[in-house]
Amino acid sequence: MPPLLRRLFRLPLLLGLALAGILIELLAFPLIAPRTRRRIVRQWSRALLSVCGLQLRVQWSDQAGGPSLEELAAGRMLVSNHVSWLDIFAIDALATASFVAKAELRRWPVAGWLAAMAGTVFIERGRRHAVHQVIGQLRRRIREGCPVALFPEATTSPGESVLPFHANLLEAAIEEAAEIVPIALRYRDTSGSPAAQAAYVGDTTFLQSLWMVLGARGLVVTVKVFRTVPTRGRKRHELAAELRGLINAGLASLTPRTGPGTAAVIQAASH
């Protein structure tokens, strides 16, 4: 199918899914328990990836294994590299989390509304007390047993290596003695090469990025989950360096295709 036909097929489905998400958030979320909300967000995120033509795979490091990411993430902090606006939905498809994102995201069409629906914590960069306020919000959510998630690079990159980490928001996990779950995200196309269509970098606008994703064929996002990292008594800059090293190594070691015992297809693209 040519890219234009893929876009014409997928765009109405995406708009319908977005409308359904908004209606669920407005009409159902006030009436249902948080656990049910998280399950709905998880299923909705899987549907979004499928409609956009992405296959979702998960890999566990040798030391991780065992429980699902949803179970592993409860009351912990997830820390990941940052490639695309799709990252939030790739992680939410496995474990519904409260993300920290720049305040500008809140004003994006559709995506901003849906990110807010999923419990995103928005930070006003440049405001003097913004970091302390966000740390307070993250600490409360950790105490409530909810997963919280950070992209410490504070910007996106092509995803083949990890930019330096900003350590300030890791303080929320340290102060709550909450373990951290490192995650490596990687996007590939049908040839196994880096998927430039998924990378939301440079001067690319959200609508341009969305247009490229909707026209792409056979994109795969792989989520590699590492064993938990303790934070009690740690210094945030040392912790940031350790996490960055783990994720960098994880990107280098991701298997190109699903192999026995190493990876599983969680959600196959439907188109």
C-alpha atoms as a PDB file:
ATOM      1  CA  MET A   1       0.000   0.000   0.000  1.00  0.00           C
ATOM      2  CA  PRO A   2       1.477   3.425  -0.948  1.00  0.00           C
ATOM      3  CA  PRO A   3       2.135   5.879   1.919  1.00  0.00           C
ATOM      4  CA  LEU A   4      -0.729   8.170   0.906  1.00  0.00           C
ATOM      5  CA  LEU A   5      -3.261   5.339   1.017  1.00  0.00           C
ATOM      6  CA  ARG A   6      -1.926   4.241   4.409  1.00  0.00           C
ATOM      7  CA  ARG A   7      -2.456   7.778   5.702  1.00  0.00           C
ATOM      8  CA  LEU A   8      -5.962   7.977   4.260  1.00  0.00           C
ATOM      9  CA  PHE A   9      -6.790   4.659   5.930  1.00  0.00           C
ATOM     10  CA  ARG A  10      -5.166   5.322   9.299  1.00  0.00           C
ATOM     11  CA  LEU A  11      -6.047   8.964   9.887  1.00  0.00           C
ATOM     12  CA  PRO A  12      -9.824   8.466  10.295  1.00  0.00           C
ATOM     13  CA  LEU A  13      -9.153   5.540  12.638  1.00  0.00           C
ATOM     14  CA  LEU A  14      -6.793   7.687  14.694  1.00  0.00           C
ATOM     15  CA  LEU A  15      -9.284  10.552  14.884  1.00  0.00           C
ATOM     16  CA  GLY A  16     -12.010   8.137  15.945  1.00  0.00           C
ATOM     17  CA  LEU A  17      -9.754   6.647  18.608  1.00  0.00           C
ATOM     18  CA  ALA A  18      -8.836  10.114  19.869  1.00  0.00           C
ATOM     19  CA  LEU A  19     -12.507  11.089  20.095  1.00  0.00           C
ATOM     20  CA  ALA A  20     -13.290   7.872  21.957  1.00  0.00           C
ATOM     21  CA  GLY A  21     -10.464   8.627  24.385  1.00  0.00           C
ATOM     22  CA  ILE A  22     -11.757  12.120  25.064  1.00  0.00           C
ATOM     23  CA  LEU A  23     -15.306  10.861  25.655  1.00  0.00           C
ATOM     24  CA  ILE A  24     -14.070   8.113  27.986  1.00  0.00           C
ATOM     25  CA  GLU A  25     -12.014  10.650  29.927  1.00  0.00           C
ATOM     26  CA  LEU A  26     -14.944  13.059  30.267  1.00  0.00           C
ATOM     27  CA  LEU A  27     -17.788  10.630  30.891  1.00  0.00           C
ATOM     28  CA  ALA A  28     -16.333   7.438  32.366  1.00  0.00           C
ATOM     29  CA  PHE A  29     -13.191   8.340  34.280  1.00  0.00           C
ATOM     30  CA  PRO A  30     -14.993  10.319  37.014  1.00  0.00           C
ATOM     31  CA  LEU A  31     -17.102   7.233  37.767  1.00  0.00           C
ATOM     32  CA  ILE A  32     -14.544   4.405  37.781  1.00  0.00           C
ATOM     33  CA  ALA A  33     -11.729   3.294  40.066  1.00  0.00           C
ATOM     34  CA  PRO A  34      -8.099   4.300  39.354  1.00  0.00           C
ATOM     35  CA  ARG A  35      -7.148   0.676  38.655  1.00  0.00           C
ATOM     36  CA  THR A  36      -9.803   0.472  35.939  1.00  0.00           C
ATOM     37  CA  ARG A  37      -8.668   3.818  34.496  1.00  0.00           C
ATOM     38  CA  ARG A  38      -5.107   2.535  34.217  1.00  0.00           C
ATOM     39  CA  ARG A  39      -6.286  -0.612  32.428  1.00  0.00           C
ATOM     40  CA  ILE A  40      -8.289   1.486  29.954  1.00  0.00           C
ATOM     41  CA  VAL A  41      -5.319   3.770  29.278  1.00  0.00           C
ATOM     42  CA  ARG A  42      -3.116   0.708  28.745  1.00  0.00           C
ATOM     43  CA  GLN A  43      -5.505  -0.810  26.202  1.00  0.00           C
ATOM     44  CA  TRP A  44      -6.109   2.543  24.509  1.00  0.00           C
ATOM     45  CA  SER A  45      -2.355   3.090  24.121  1.00  0.00           C
ATOM     46  CA  ARG A  46      -1.976  -0.325  22.492  1.00  0.00           C
ATOM     47  CA  ALA A  47      -4.787   0.574  20.109  1.00  0.00           C
ATOM     48  CA  LEU A  48      -3.096   3.877  19.220  1.00  0.00           C
ATOM     49  CA  LEU A  49       0.185   2.148  18.380  1.00  0.00           C
ATOM     50  CA  SER A  50      -1.676  -0.387  16.242  1.00  0.00           C
ATOM     51  CA  VAL A  51      -3.650   2.273  14.372  1.00  0.00           C
ATOM     52  CA  CYS A  52      -0.385   4.155  13.705  1.00  0.00           C
ATOM     53  CA  GLY A  53       1.062   0.960  12.226  1.00  0.00           C
ATOM     54  CA  LEU A  54       3.528   0.087  15.002  1.00  0.00           C
ATOM     55  CA  GLN A  55       4.233  -3.364  16.369  1.00  0.00           C
ATOM     56  CA  LEU A  56       5.085  -3.348  20.083  1.00  0.00           C
ATOM     57  CA  ARG A  57       7.690  -5.763  21.456  1.00  0.00           C
ATOM     58  CA  VAL A  58       9.077  -6.132  24.964  1.00  0.00           C
ATOM     59  CA  GLN A  59      12.433  -7.575  25.994  1.00  0.00           C
ATOM     60  CA  TRP A  60      13.566  -8.312  29.535  1.00  0.00           C
ATOM     61  CA  SER A  61      17.170  -8.104  30.624  1.00  0.00           C
ATOM     62  CA  ASP A  62      18.640 -11.318  32.013  1.00  0.00           C
ATOM     63  CA  GLN A  63      18.269 -10.000  35.559  1.00  0.00           C
ATOM     64  CA  ALA A  64      14.689  -8.738  35.176  1.00  0.00           C
ATOM     65  CA  GLY A  65      12.252 -11.415  34.029  1.00  0.00           C
ATOM     66  CA  GLY A  66       9.318 -12.422  36.172  1.00  0.00           C
ATOM     67  CA  PRO A  67       6.440  -9.990  36.646  1.00  0.00           C
ATOM     68  CA  SER A  68       4.811  -7.844  34.015  1.00  0.00           C
ATOM     69  CA  LEU A  69       5.962  -4.258  33.703  1.00  0.00           C
ATOM     70  CA  GLU A  70       2.630  -3.155  35.176  1.00  0.00           C
ATOM     71  CA  GLU A  71       3.319  -5.195  38.323  1.00  0.00           C
ATOM     72  CA  LEU A  72       6.988  -4.223  38.432  1.00  0.00           C
ATOM     73  CA  ALA A  73       6.260  -0.504  38.093  1.00  0.00           C
ATOM     74  CA  ALA A  74       3.828  -0.075  40.987  1.00  0.00           C
ATOM     75  CA  GLY A  75       5.165   2.632  43.293  1.00  0.00           C
ATOM     76  CA  ARG A  76       8.394   2.885  41.319  1.00  0.00           C
ATOM     77  CA  MET A  77       9.932   5.315  38.835  1.00  0.00           C
ATOM     78  CA  LEU A  78      10.437   4.382  35.177  1.00  0.00           C
ATOM     79  CA  VAL A  79      13.404   6.054  33.448  1.00  0.00           C
ATOM     80  CA  SER A  80      13.787   5.875  29.672  1.00  0.00           C
ATOM     81  CA  ASN A  81      15.591   7.352  26.708  1.00  0.00           C
ATOM     82  CA  HIS A  82      13.447   9.681  24.603  1.00  0.00           C
ATOM     83  CA  VAL A  83      12.975   9.343  20.840  1.00  0.00           C
ATOM     84  CA  SER A  84       9.413  10.300  19.950  1.00  0.00           C
ATOM     85  CA  TRP A  85       6.009  11.457  21.132  1.00  0.00           C
ATOM     86  CA  LEU A  86       5.146   7.775  20.692  1.00  0.00           C
ATOM     87  CA  ASP A  87       7.349   6.888  23.692  1.00  0.00           C
ATOM     88  CA  ILE A  88       4.615   7.793  26.173  1.00  0.00           C
ATOM     89  CA  PHE A  89       2.143   5.451  24.508  1.00  0.00           C
ATOM     90  CA  ALA A  90       4.700   2.631  24.090  1.00  0.00           C
ATOM     91  CA  ILE A  91       5.364   2.652  27.839  1.00  0.00           C
ATOM     92  CA  ASP A  92       1.718   3.246  28.761  1.00  0.00           C
ATOM     93  CA  ALA A  93       0.795   0.202  26.682  1.00  0.00           C
ATOM     94  CA  LEU A  94       2.750  -1.877  29.215  1.00  0.00           C
ATOM     95  CA  ALA A  95       2.411   0.071  32.466  1.00  0.00           C
ATOM     96  CA  THR A  96       0.192   3.121  32.795  1.00  0.00           C
ATOM     97  CA  ALA A  97       2.399   5.789  34.369  1.00  0.00           C
ATOM     98  CA  SER A  98       2.363   9.475  35.234  1.00  0.00           C
ATOM     99  CA  PHE A  99       4.903  11.070  32.889  1.00  0.00           C
ATOM    100  CA  VAL A 100       6.780  14.326  33.251  1.00  0.00           C
ATOM    101  CA  ALA A 101       6.625  16.369  30.056  1.00  0.00           C
ATOM    102  CA  LYS A 102       7.244  19.935  28.977  1.00  0.00           C
ATOM    103  CA  ALA A 103       4.244  22.227  29.385  1.00  0.00           C
ATOM    104  CA  GLU A 104       4.183  22.889  25.623  1.00  0.00           C
ATOM    105  CA  LEU A 105       2.935  19.329  25.084  1.00  0.00           C
ATOM    106  CA  ARG A 106      -0.314  20.232  26.858  1.00  0.00           C
ATOM    107  CA  ARG A 107      -1.127  22.628  23.997  1.00  0.00           C
ATOM    108  CA  TRP A 108      -0.570  20.096  21.184  1.00  0.00           C
ATOM    109  CA  PRO A 109      -3.712  19.124  19.234  1.00  0.00           C
ATOM    110  CA  VAL A 110      -5.213  15.849  20.448  1.00  0.00           C
ATOM    111  CA  ALA A 111      -1.910  14.474  21.803  1.00  0.00           C
ATOM    112  CA  GLY A 112      -1.773  17.113  24.547  1.00  0.00           C
ATOM    113  CA  TRP A 113      -5.293  16.332  25.707  1.00  0.00           C
ATOM    114  CA  LEU A 114      -4.649  12.606  25.699  1.00  0.00           C
ATOM    115  CA  ALA A 115      -1.349  12.991  27.543  1.00  0.00           C
ATOM    116  CA  ALA A 116      -3.185  14.954  30.237  1.00  0.00           C
ATOM    117  CA  MET A 117      -5.845  12.231  30.333  1.00  0.00           C
ATOM    118  CA  ALA A 118      -3.122   9.682  31.062  1.00  0.00           C
ATOM    119  CA  GLY A 119      -1.991  11.666  34.127  1.00  0.00           C
ATOM    120  CA  THR A 120       1.031  13.486  32.687  1.00  0.00           C
ATOM    121  CA  VAL A 121       2.735  15.974  35.010  1.00  0.00           C
ATOM    122  CA  PHE A 122       3.600  19.101  33.019  1.00  0.00           C
ATOM    123  CA  ILE A 123       6.651  21.182  33.889  1.00  0.00           C
ATOM    124  CA  GLU A 124       7.133  24.834  32.971  1.00  0.00           C
ATOM    125  CA  ARG A 125      10.777  25.005  31.966  1.00  0.00           C
ATOM    126  CA  GLY A 126      12.483  28.166  33.124  1.00  0.00           C
ATOM    127  CA  ARG A 127      10.204  28.696  36.126  1.00  0.00           C
ATOM    128  CA  ARG A 128      12.201  28.922  39.315  1.00  0.00           C
ATOM    129  CA  HIS A 129      10.072  26.647  41.495  1.00  0.00           C
ATOM    130  CA  ALA A 130       8.791  24.312  38.778  1.00  0.00           C
ATOM    131  CA  VAL A 131      11.224  21.470  39.566  1.00  0.00           C
ATOM    132  CA  HIS A 132      10.351  21.446  43.281  1.00  0.00           C
ATOM    133  CA  GLN A 133       6.641  21.430  42.502  1.00  0.00           C
ATOM    134  CA  VAL A 134       7.022  18.503  40.091  1.00  0.00           C
ATOM    135  CA  ILE A 135       9.149  16.558  42.595  1.00  0.00           C
ATOM    136  CA  GLY A 136       6.364  17.012  45.142  1.00  0.00           C
ATOM    137  CA  GLN A 137       3.747  15.710  42.708  1.00  0.00           C
ATOM    138  CA  LEU A 138       5.901  12.702  41.805  1.00  0.00           C
ATOM    139  CA  ARG A 139       6.518  11.859  45.461  1.00  0.00           C
ATOM    140  CA  ARG A 140       2.773  11.872  46.168  1.00  0.00           C
ATOM    141  CA  ARG A 141       2.058   9.554  43.260  1.00  0.00           C
ATOM    142  CA  ILE A 142       4.829   7.155  44.282  1.00  0.00           C
ATOM    143  CA  ARG A 143       3.404   7.037  47.826  1.00  0.00           C
ATOM    144  CA  GLU A 144      -0.004   6.212  46.335  1.00  0.00           C
ATOM    145  CA  GLY A 145       1.555   3.202  44.602  1.00  0.00           C
ATOM    146  CA  CYS A 146       1.373   4.669  41.088  1.00  0.00           C
ATOM    147  CA  PRO A 147       4.210   4.382  38.551  1.00  0.00           C
ATOM    148  CA  VAL A 148       5.855   7.638  37.504  1.00  0.00           C
ATOM    149  CA  ALA A 149       8.023   8.033  34.421  1.00  0.00           C
ATOM    150  CA  LEU A 150      10.835  10.353  33.330  1.00  0.00           C
ATOM    151  CA  PHE A 151      12.799  11.091  30.180  1.00  0.00           C
ATOM    152  CA  PRO A 152      15.925  12.548  31.840  1.00  0.00           C
ATOM    153  CA  GLU A 153      17.464  13.597  28.510  1.00  0.00           C
ATOM    154  CA  ALA A 154      14.804  16.360  28.608  1.00  0.00           C
ATOM    155  CA  THR A 155      14.677  16.303  24.798  1.00  0.00           C
ATOM    156  CA  THR A 156      14.397  13.751  22.007  1.00  0.00           C
ATOM    157  CA  SER A 157      17.242  12.156  20.063  1.00  0.00           C
ATOM    158  CA  PRO A 158      17.430   9.726  17.100  1.00  0.00           C
ATOM    159  CA  GLY A 159      17.634   6.923  19.662  1.00  0.00           C
ATOM    160  CA  GLU A 160      20.888   5.173  18.777  1.00  0.00           C
ATOM    161  CA  SER A 161      22.610   6.525  21.896  1.00  0.00           C
ATOM    162  CA  VAL A 162      21.555   8.420  25.002  1.00  0.00           C
ATOM    163  CA  LEU A 163      22.133  12.122  25.629  1.00  0.00           C
ATOM    164  CA  PRO A 164      23.366  13.314  29.064  1.00  0.00           C
ATOM    165  CA  PHE A 165      20.786  12.934  31.817  1.00  0.00           C
ATOM    166  CA  HIS A 166      19.367  15.759  33.912  1.00  0.00           C
ATOM    167  CA  ALA A 167      19.327  14.417  37.454  1.00  0.00           C
ATOM    168  CA  ASN A 168      17.062  16.810  39.378  1.00  0.00           C
ATOM    169  CA  LEU A 169      13.771  14.916  39.122  1.00  0.00           C
ATOM    170  CA  LEU A 170      15.405  11.656  40.230  1.00  0.00           C
ATOM    171  CA  GLU A 171      15.291  13.243  43.678  1.00  0.00           C
ATOM    172  CA  ALA A 172      11.624  12.223  43.927  1.00  0.00           C
ATOM    173  CA  ALA A 173      12.591   8.529  43.838  1.00  0.00           C
ATOM    174  CA  ILE A 174      15.550   9.043  46.184  1.00  0.00           C
ATOM    175  CA  GLU A 175      13.470  10.872  48.795  1.00  0.00           C
ATOM    176  CA  GLU A 176      10.827   8.126  48.698  1.00  0.00           C
ATOM    177  CA  ALA A 177      13.471   5.338  48.559  1.00  0.00           C
ATOM    178  CA  ALA A 178      11.573   4.082  45.505  1.00  0.00           C
ATOM    179  CA  GLU A 179      13.315   1.711  43.118  1.00  0.00           C
ATOM    180  CA  ILE A 180      13.876   2.787  39.519  1.00  0.00           C
ATOM    181  CA  VAL A 181      13.099   0.630  36.474  1.00  0.00           C
ATOM    182  CA  PRO A 182      15.408   1.578  33.551  1.00  0.00           C
ATOM    183  CA  ILE A 183      13.906   1.201  30.081  1.00  0.00           C
ATOM    184  CA  ALA A 184      15.503   1.359  26.624  1.00  0.00           C
ATOM    185  CA  LEU A 185      13.307   2.293  23.644  1.00  0.00           C
ATOM    186  CA  ARG A 186      14.226   1.601  20.043  1.00  0.00           C
ATOM    187  CA  TYR A 187      12.332   2.076  16.766  1.00  0.00           C
ATOM    188  CA  ARG A 188      13.110   0.071  13.632  1.00  0.00           C
ATOM    189  CA  ASP A 189      11.656  -0.232  10.135  1.00  0.00           C
ATOM    190  CA  THR A 190      11.063  -3.375   8.082  1.00  0.00           C
ATOM    191  CA  SER A 191      14.763  -3.640   7.153  1.00  0.00           C
ATOM    192  CA  GLY A 192      15.883  -3.452  10.786  1.00  0.00           C
ATOM    193  CA  SER A 193      17.345   0.033  10.269  1.00  0.00           C
ATOM    194  CA  PRO A 194      16.630   2.995  12.591  1.00  0.00           C
ATOM    195  CA  ALA A 195      13.131   4.291  11.831  1.00  0.00           C
ATOM    196  CA  ALA A 196      13.641   7.939  10.934  1.00  0.00           C
ATOM    197  CA  GLN A 197       9.859   8.338  10.596  1.00  0.00           C
ATOM    198  CA  ALA A 198       9.403   7.758  14.337  1.00  0.00           C
ATOM    199  CA  ALA A 199      12.177  10.057  15.577  1.00  0.00           C
ATOM    200  CA  TYR A 200      10.677  13.378  16.647  1.00  0.00           C
ATOM    201  CA  VAL A 201      13.828  15.510  16.465  1.00  0.00           C
ATOM    202  CA  GLY A 202      15.158  18.830  15.229  1.00  0.00           C
ATOM    203  CA  ASP A 203      12.703  21.343  13.779  1.00  0.00           C
ATOM    204  CA  THR A 204      10.080  18.715  12.971  1.00  0.00           C
ATOM    205  CA  THR A 205       6.603  19.746  14.121  1.00  0.00           C
ATOM    206  CA  PHE A 206       4.177  17.356  15.758  1.00  0.00           C
ATOM    207  CA  LEU A 207       1.898  17.317  12.703  1.00  0.00           C
ATOM    208  CA  GLN A 208       4.852  16.624  10.390  1.00  0.00           C
ATOM    209  CA  SER A 209       5.958  13.777  12.646  1.00  0.00           C
ATOM    210  CA  LEU A 210       2.451  12.346  12.776  1.00  0.00           C
ATOM    211  CA  TRP A 211       2.201  12.505   8.971  1.00  0.00           C
ATOM    212  CA  MET A 212       5.467  10.565   8.590  1.00  0.00           C
ATOM    213  CA  VAL A 213       4.421   7.904  11.100  1.00  0.00           C
ATOM    214  CA  LEU A 214       1.024   7.384   9.489  1.00  0.00           C
ATOM    215  CA  GLY A 215       2.655   6.856   6.090  1.00  0.00           C
ATOM    216  CA  ALA A 216       5.294   4.392   7.294  1.00  0.00           C
ATOM    217  CA  ARG A 217       5.144   0.620   6.877  1.00  0.00           C
ATOM    218  CA  GLY A 218       6.238  -2.029   9.333  1.00  0.00           C
ATOM    219  CA  LEU A 219       7.531   0.098  12.192  1.00  0.00           C
ATOM    220  CA  VAL A 220       8.521  -1.800  15.347  1.00  0.00           C
ATOM    221  CA  VAL A 221       9.049  -0.269  18.786  1.00  0.00           C
ATOM    222  CA  THR A 222      10.994  -2.449  21.206  1.00  0.00           C
ATOM    223  CA  VAL A 223      10.847  -1.764  24.944  1.00  0.00           C
ATOM    224  CA  LYS A 224      13.710  -3.319  26.916  1.00  0.00           C
ATOM    225  CA  VAL A 225      13.106  -3.546  30.665  1.00  0.00           C
ATOM    226  CA  PHE A 226      15.998  -3.822  33.139  1.00  0.00           C
ATOM    227  CA  ARG A 227      16.160  -5.055  36.710  1.00  0.00           C
ATOM    228  CA  THR A 228      15.222  -2.453  39.302  1.00  0.00           C
ATOM    229  CA  VAL A 229      17.881  -0.072  40.632  1.00  0.00           C
ATOM    230  CA  PRO A 230      17.752   0.856  44.354  1.00  0.00           C
ATOM    231  CA  THR A 231      17.883   4.542  45.290  1.00  0.00           C
ATOM    232  CA  ARG A 232      18.174   4.570  49.080  1.00  0.00           C
ATOM    233  CA  GLY A 233      21.162   6.705  50.108  1.00  0.00           C
ATOM    234  CA  ARG A 234      22.150   7.465  46.507  1.00  0.00           C
ATOM    235  CA  LYS A 235      23.362  10.776  45.072  1.00  0.00           C
ATOM    236  CA  ARG A 236      21.249  11.859  42.135  1.00  0.00           C
ATOM    237  CA  HIS A 237      24.151  12.623  39.767  1.00  0.00           C
ATOM    238  CA  GLU A 238      25.769   9.225  40.377  1.00  0.00           C
ATOM    239  CA  LEU A 239      22.394   7.564  39.940  1.00  0.00           C
ATOM    240  CA  ALA A 240      21.788   9.431  36.675  1.00  0.00           C
ATOM    241  CA  ALA A 241      25.152   8.292  35.318  1.00  0.00           C
ATOM    242  CA  GLU A 242      24.424   4.649  36.217  1.00  0.00           C
ATOM    243  CA  LEU A 243      20.978   4.735  34.606  1.00  0.00           C
ATOM    244  CA  ARG A 244      22.302   6.365  31.445  1.00  0.00           C
ATOM    245  CA  GLY A 245      25.013   3.707  31.193  1.00  0.00           C
ATOM    246  CA  LEU A 246      22.482   0.882  31.567  1.00  0.00           C
ATOM    247  CA  ILE A 247      20.167   2.297  28.911  1.00  0.00           C
ATOM    248  CA  ASN A 248      23.037   2.997  26.508  1.00  0.00           C
ATOM    249  CA  ALA A 249      24.235  -0.582  26.902  1.00  0.00           C
ATOM    250  CA  GLY A 250      20.659  -1.796  26.482  1.00  0.00           C
ATOM    251  CA  LEU A 251      20.279  -0.042  23.141  1.00  0.00           C
ATOM    252  CA  ALA A 252      23.465  -1.698  21.913  1.00  0.00           C
ATOM    253  CA  SER A 253      22.336  -5.149  23.048  1.00  0.00           C
ATOM    254  CA  LEU A 254      18.750  -5.134  21.809  1.00  0.00           C
ATOM    255  CA  THR A 255      18.202  -8.175  19.635  1.00  0.00           C
ATOM    256  CA  PRO A 256      17.167  -7.194  16.098  1.00  0.00           C
ATOM    257  CA  ARG A 257      14.311  -9.649  16.041  1.00  0.00           C
ATOM    258  CA  THR A 258      12.238 -11.549  18.556  1.00  0.00           C
ATOM    259  CA  GLY A 259      14.123 -14.556  19.906  1.00  0.00           C
ATOM    260  CA  PRO A 260      13.064 -17.356  22.257  1.00  0.00           C
ATOM    261  CA  GLY A 261      13.122 -16.181  25.857  1.00  0.00           C
ATOM    262  CA  THR A 262      14.340 -12.685  25.027  1.00  0.00           C
ATOM    263  CA  ALA A 263      11.384 -10.852  23.577  1.00  0.00           C
ATOM    264  CA  ALA A 264       7.674 -11.061  23.019  1.00  0.00           C
ATOM    265  CA  VAL A 265       5.270  -9.380  20.641  1.00  0.00           C
ATOM    266  CA  ILE A 266       2.797  -7.558  22.874  1.00  0.00           C
ATOM    267  CA  GLN A 267       0.781  -5.790  20.218  1.00  0.00           C
ATOM    268  CA  ALA A 268       1.026  -6.382  16.507  1.00  0.00           C
ATOM    269  CA  ALA A 269       0.141  -3.576  14.135  1.00  0.00           C
ATOM    270  CA  SER A 270      -3.208  -4.210  12.509  1.00  0.00           C
ATOM    271  CA  HIS A 271      -2.415  -2.370   9.243  1.00  0.00           C
END
